[in-house]
Amino acid sequence: MKKGIHPEDYRLVAFRDMSNGHTFFTKSTVNTKETEVIDGVEYPLFKIEISNTSHPFYTGKVKLVDTAGRVDKFMSRYGKHMDKRKK
């Protein structure tokens, strides 16, 4: 490995899965604006949309996660074309 190209400011960061509320800790250099007090210790908090506790591959459950309204956006764009095909 090359020397001097890796960051050195690793710290414990709390990552929270927003779909199910699961929180886990790992060392990271990610920039965060929020903090969370857990067990009396303040940690930087990074929110994620999906993790191994909510991803269908790991859980074995099929679940539609539509946090950004992607399905609605698709239907508003192409719904008219799909209606024409049915006629």
C-alpha atoms as a PDB file:
ATOM      1  CA  MET A   1       0.000   0.000   0.000  1.00  0.00           C
ATOM      2  CA  LYS A   2       1.144   3.514  -0.724  1.00  0.00           C
ATOM      3  CA  LYS A   3       2.165   5.600   2.252  1.00  0.00           C
ATOM      4  CA  GLY A   4       0.525   8.934   3.047  1.00  0.00           C
ATOM      5  CA  ILE A   5      -2.679   8.532   0.997  1.00  0.00           C
ATOM      6  CA  HIS A   6      -4.973   7.120   3.686  1.00  0.00           C
ATOM      7  CA  PRO A   7      -6.774   9.368   6.186  1.00  0.00           C
ATOM      8  CA  GLU A   8      -5.629   9.212   9.774  1.00  0.00           C
ATOM      9  CA  ASP A   9      -8.562  10.820  11.587  1.00  0.00           C
ATOM     10  CA  TYR A  10     -10.674   7.685  12.114  1.00  0.00           C
ATOM     11  CA  ARG A  11     -13.157   7.880  14.989  1.00  0.00           C
ATOM     12  CA  LEU A  12     -16.137   5.891  16.217  1.00  0.00           C
ATOM     13  CA  VAL A  13     -19.271   6.927  14.311  1.00  0.00           C
ATOM     14  CA  ALA A  14     -22.849   5.821  14.961  1.00  0.00           C
ATOM     15  CA  PHE A  15     -24.654   4.763  11.771  1.00  0.00           C
ATOM     16  CA  ARG A  16     -28.465   4.668  11.999  1.00  0.00           C
ATOM     17  CA  ASP A  17     -30.626   2.734   9.538  1.00  0.00           C
ATOM     18  CA  MET A  18     -33.604   5.061   8.993  1.00  0.00           C
ATOM     19  CA  SER A  19     -35.909   2.280   7.762  1.00  0.00           C
ATOM     20  CA  ASN A  20     -35.862   0.314  11.024  1.00  0.00           C
ATOM     21  CA  GLY A  21     -33.968   2.441  13.576  1.00  0.00           C
ATOM     22  CA  HIS A  22     -31.045   0.006  14.023  1.00  0.00           C
ATOM     23  CA  THR A  23     -27.843   1.764  15.127  1.00  0.00           C
ATOM     24  CA  PHE A  24     -24.334   0.339  14.843  1.00  0.00           C
ATOM     25  CA  PHE A  25     -20.842   1.705  15.446  1.00  0.00           C
ATOM     26  CA  THR A  26     -17.736   1.539  13.323  1.00  0.00           C
ATOM     27  CA  LYS A  27     -14.612   3.590  12.777  1.00  0.00           C
ATOM     28  CA  SER A  28     -15.008   6.076   9.956  1.00  0.00           C
ATOM     29  CA  THR A  29     -13.822   9.413   8.594  1.00  0.00           C
ATOM     30  CA  VAL A  30     -17.268  10.412   7.272  1.00  0.00           C
ATOM     31  CA  ASN A  31     -18.245  14.050   7.862  1.00  0.00           C
ATOM     32  CA  THR A  32     -21.378  14.421   9.977  1.00  0.00           C
ATOM     33  CA  LYS A  33     -23.440  17.366  11.158  1.00  0.00           C
ATOM     34  CA  GLU A  34     -25.459  15.539  13.804  1.00  0.00           C
ATOM     35  CA  THR A  35     -24.457  13.877  17.054  1.00  0.00           C
ATOM     36  CA  GLU A  36     -26.185  11.328  19.246  1.00  0.00           C
ATOM     37  CA  VAL A  37     -25.700  10.534  22.935  1.00  0.00           C
ATOM     38  CA  ILE A  38     -25.705   6.769  23.445  1.00  0.00           C
ATOM     39  CA  ASP A  39     -24.979   5.269  26.866  1.00  0.00           C
ATOM     40  CA  GLY A  40     -23.762   8.655  28.092  1.00  0.00           C
ATOM     41  CA  VAL A  41     -21.199   9.093  25.297  1.00  0.00           C
ATOM     42  CA  GLU A  42     -21.653  11.532  22.407  1.00  0.00           C
ATOM     43  CA  TYR A  43     -20.964  10.084  18.956  1.00  0.00           C
ATOM     44  CA  PRO A  44     -21.155  11.623  15.465  1.00  0.00           C
ATOM     45  CA  LEU A  45     -24.341  10.310  13.791  1.00  0.00           C
ATOM     46  CA  PHE A  46     -24.621   9.350  10.123  1.00  0.00           C
ATOM     47  CA  LYS A  47     -28.060   8.374   8.789  1.00  0.00           C
ATOM     48  CA  ILE A  48     -28.323   5.694   6.116  1.00  0.00           C
ATOM     49  CA  GLU A  49     -31.368   4.470   4.195  1.00  0.00           C
ATOM     50  CA  ILE A  50     -30.607   0.746   4.223  1.00  0.00           C
ATOM     51  CA  SER A  51     -28.254  -1.618   6.039  1.00  0.00           C
ATOM     52  CA  ASN A  52     -27.800  -5.347   6.508  1.00  0.00           C
ATOM     53  CA  THR A  53     -30.660  -5.350   9.046  1.00  0.00           C
ATOM     54  CA  SER A  54     -33.184  -4.021   6.522  1.00  0.00           C
ATOM     55  CA  HIS A  55     -31.867  -5.136   3.115  1.00  0.00           C
ATOM     56  CA  PRO A  56     -33.999  -7.910   1.557  1.00  0.00           C
ATOM     57  CA  PHE A  57     -30.924  -9.970   0.628  1.00  0.00           C
ATOM     58  CA  TYR A  58     -29.900 -10.318   4.280  1.00  0.00           C
ATOM     59  CA  THR A  59     -33.354 -10.463   5.855  1.00  0.00           C
ATOM     60  CA  GLY A  60     -34.958 -12.806   3.324  1.00  0.00           C
ATOM     61  CA  LYS A  61     -38.017 -10.575   3.178  1.00  0.00           C
ATOM     62  CA  VAL A  62     -39.037  -8.739   0.035  1.00  0.00           C
ATOM     63  CA  LYS A  63     -39.991  -5.192   0.871  1.00  0.00           C
ATOM     64  CA  LEU A  64     -40.390  -2.076  -1.270  1.00  0.00           C
ATOM     65  CA  VAL A  65     -38.341   0.811   0.090  1.00  0.00           C
ATOM     66  CA  ASP A  66     -39.419   4.006  -1.658  1.00  0.00           C
ATOM     67  CA  THR A  67     -38.030   6.897   0.362  1.00  0.00           C
ATOM     68  CA  ALA A  68     -37.631   9.336  -2.517  1.00  0.00           C
ATOM     69  CA  GLY A  69     -40.963   8.739  -4.269  1.00  0.00           C
ATOM     70  CA  ARG A  70     -39.321   7.032  -7.223  1.00  0.00           C
ATOM     71  CA  VAL A  71     -42.351   4.883  -8.021  1.00  0.00           C
ATOM     72  CA  ASP A  72     -44.684   7.886  -7.983  1.00  0.00           C
ATOM     73  CA  LYS A  73     -42.283   9.852 -10.170  1.00  0.00           C
ATOM     74  CA  PHE A  74     -42.130   6.970 -12.659  1.00  0.00           C
ATOM     75  CA  MET A  75     -45.917   6.620 -12.760  1.00  0.00           C
ATOM     76  CA  SER A  76     -46.411  10.367 -13.257  1.00  0.00           C
ATOM     77  CA  ARG A  77     -44.011  10.331 -16.209  1.00  0.00           C
ATOM     78  CA  TYR A  78     -44.948   7.085 -17.892  1.00  0.00           C
ATOM     79  CA  GLY A  79     -48.402   6.273 -16.521  1.00  0.00           C
ATOM     80  CA  LYS A  80     -50.123   7.895 -19.510  1.00  0.00           C
ATOM     81  CA  HIS A  81     -48.111   5.732 -21.920  1.00  0.00           C
ATOM     82  CA  MET A  82     -48.996   2.586 -20.022  1.00  0.00           C
ATOM     83  CA  ASP A  83     -52.713   3.486 -20.136  1.00  0.00           C
ATOM     84  CA  LYS A  84     -52.527   3.822 -23.924  1.00  0.00           C
ATOM     85  CA  ARG A  85     -51.002   0.352 -24.245  1.00  0.00           C
ATOM     86  CA  LYS A  86     -53.862  -1.237 -22.306  1.00  0.00           C
ATOM     87  CA  LYS A  87     -56.513   0.143 -24.711  1.00  0.00           C
END
